[in-house]
Amino acid sequence: MQLRLIAMVTPMLAMSAPSTPAHANDLGCQVLICLSNPGGATQYAACVPPMAKLWQKLATGASFPGCSGGGVAKTKVFNRDSATRRRVVMTFTDGRQQSYSIADIEHLLTAASATGTPAR
């Protein structure tokens, strides 16, 4: 009887525990979170600096940053030289692939400098 009561109460206690917000501590994971936003990669102000830094890296020939914490096994940028067709395909550790548009992210550098937001 006690085991049954414990089995019923434990899930309720776990669900009532306060949740902590998700934080990404490296550029690759920050960019992954921002790109996965249905409202756009820069809908939220917190995403402008990492997306601007991403553009700076890609513009200088650097590779797309990885995010092992998000389950991403590898990333590949397609159409790097096309401002309107540029995209990144992320392959997750379970084999799934997700494509995100990174078209026209050049404007982030000018927007970040116009608002005084550092491109960390």
Protein backbone atom coordinates (compact mmCIF):
# COMPACT_ATOMS: atom_id res chain seq x y z
CA MET A 1 0.00 0.00 0.00
CA GLN A 2 2.78 2.44 0.91
CA LEU A 3 4.65 1.63 -2.30
CA ARG A 4 1.53 2.37 -4.33
CA LEU A 5 1.10 5.73 -2.56
CA ILE A 6 4.76 6.61 -3.11
CA ALA A 7 4.47 5.63 -6.78
CA MET A 8 1.49 7.97 -7.18
CA VAL A 9 2.95 10.93 -5.26
CA THR A 10 6.47 10.91 -6.74
CA PRO A 11 5.46 11.99 -10.29
CA MET A 12 3.29 14.78 -8.88
CA LEU A 13 6.18 16.08 -6.80
CA ALA A 14 8.53 15.92 -9.75
CA MET A 15 6.10 17.88 -11.93
CA SER A 16 5.62 20.55 -9.28
CA ALA A 17 9.35 21.17 -8.84
CA PRO A 18 10.44 24.54 -10.24
CA SER A 19 12.02 24.27 -13.66
CA THR A 20 15.10 26.17 -14.62
CA PRO A 21 15.37 28.06 -17.89
CA ALA A 22 17.52 26.63 -20.63
CA HIS A 23 20.88 28.31 -21.06
CA ALA A 24 23.40 27.81 -23.81
CA ASN A 25 26.95 28.46 -22.73
CA ASP A 26 28.71 28.39 -26.08
CA LEU A 27 28.15 30.05 -29.44
CA GLY A 28 27.12 26.89 -31.29
CA CYS A 29 24.35 26.08 -28.82
CA GLN A 30 23.18 29.70 -28.66
CA VAL A 31 22.93 29.82 -32.44
CA LEU A 32 21.09 26.46 -32.50
CA ILE A 33 18.49 27.79 -30.05
CA CYS A 34 18.09 31.04 -32.00
CA LEU A 35 17.81 29.32 -35.39
CA SER A 36 15.18 26.92 -34.11
CA ASN A 37 12.84 29.77 -33.12
CA PRO A 38 9.80 29.70 -35.46
CA GLY A 39 9.57 33.50 -35.16
CA GLY A 40 13.03 33.95 -36.68
CA ALA A 41 16.59 33.76 -35.46
CA THR A 42 16.61 37.35 -34.24
CA GLN A 43 13.07 37.72 -32.92
CA TYR A 44 14.50 38.07 -29.41
CA ALA A 45 17.20 40.61 -28.56
CA ALA A 46 19.27 37.95 -26.80
CA CYS A 47 19.75 36.21 -30.15
CA VAL A 48 21.16 39.22 -32.02
CA PRO A 49 24.71 39.05 -30.56
CA PRO A 50 25.25 35.31 -31.19
CA MET A 51 23.79 35.55 -34.70
CA ALA A 52 25.99 38.58 -35.46
CA LYS A 53 29.02 36.69 -34.19
CA LEU A 54 28.02 33.73 -36.37
CA TRP A 55 27.96 35.98 -39.42
CA GLN A 56 31.37 37.41 -38.55
CA LYS A 57 32.79 33.90 -38.29
CA LEU A 58 31.20 32.69 -41.55
CA ALA A 59 32.26 35.87 -43.39
CA THR A 60 35.89 35.22 -42.48
CA GLY A 61 35.74 31.60 -43.66
CA ALA A 62 35.34 29.96 -40.26
CA SER A 63 33.24 26.83 -39.99
CA PHE A 64 29.79 26.74 -38.44
CA PRO A 65 30.17 26.31 -34.66
CA GLY A 66 29.22 22.97 -33.17
CA CYS A 67 26.98 22.24 -30.20
CA SER A 68 27.55 18.84 -28.67
CA GLY A 69 25.33 19.71 -25.70
CA GLY A 70 22.33 19.98 -28.02
CA GLY A 71 22.85 16.54 -29.50
CA VAL A 72 24.31 17.94 -32.72
CA ALA A 73 26.86 15.62 -34.29
CA LYS A 74 27.85 17.86 -37.21
CA THR A 75 26.87 20.97 -39.12
CA LYS A 76 27.34 21.93 -42.75
CA VAL A 77 26.71 25.28 -44.43
CA PHE A 78 25.27 25.20 -47.96
CA ASN A 79 25.27 28.06 -50.48
CA ARG A 80 27.72 30.01 -48.31
CA ASP A 81 28.19 32.68 -51.00
CA SER A 82 24.49 33.21 -51.69
CA ALA A 83 22.98 35.81 -49.36
CA THR A 84 19.45 34.66 -50.18
CA ARG A 85 19.90 30.86 -50.24
CA ARG A 86 22.44 30.31 -47.45
CA ARG A 87 21.44 27.58 -44.98
CA VAL A 88 22.90 25.24 -42.44
CA VAL A 89 22.03 21.57 -42.05
CA MET A 90 22.51 20.10 -38.60
CA THR A 91 22.83 16.36 -38.18
CA PHE A 92 21.91 15.15 -34.72
CA THR A 93 23.46 12.22 -32.90
CA ASP A 94 20.33 10.13 -33.57
CA GLY A 95 20.69 10.67 -37.34
CA ARG A 96 17.94 13.29 -37.76
CA GLN A 97 18.74 16.30 -39.91
CA GLN A 98 17.32 19.79 -39.61
CA SER A 99 17.88 22.62 -42.08
CA TYR A 100 17.85 26.27 -40.99
CA SER A 101 17.98 29.33 -43.18
CA ILE A 102 20.77 31.77 -42.44
CA ALA A 103 19.97 33.92 -45.46
CA ASP A 104 20.50 37.66 -45.18
CA ILE A 105 22.19 37.56 -41.78
CA GLU A 106 24.61 40.20 -43.02
CA HIS A 107 22.21 42.90 -41.83
CA LEU A 108 22.80 41.80 -38.23
CA LEU A 109 26.24 43.40 -38.14
CA THR A 110 24.89 46.78 -39.18
CA ALA A 111 21.86 46.44 -36.88
CA ALA A 112 24.04 45.47 -33.93
CA SER A 113 26.44 48.35 -34.48
CA ALA A 114 23.57 50.83 -34.99
CA THR A 115 22.01 49.91 -31.65
CA GLY A 116 25.33 49.68 -29.85
CA THR A 117 24.82 45.99 -29.15
CA PRO A 118 28.22 44.28 -29.08
CA ALA A 119 28.63 41.28 -31.35
CA ARG A 120 30.46 39.36 -28.60
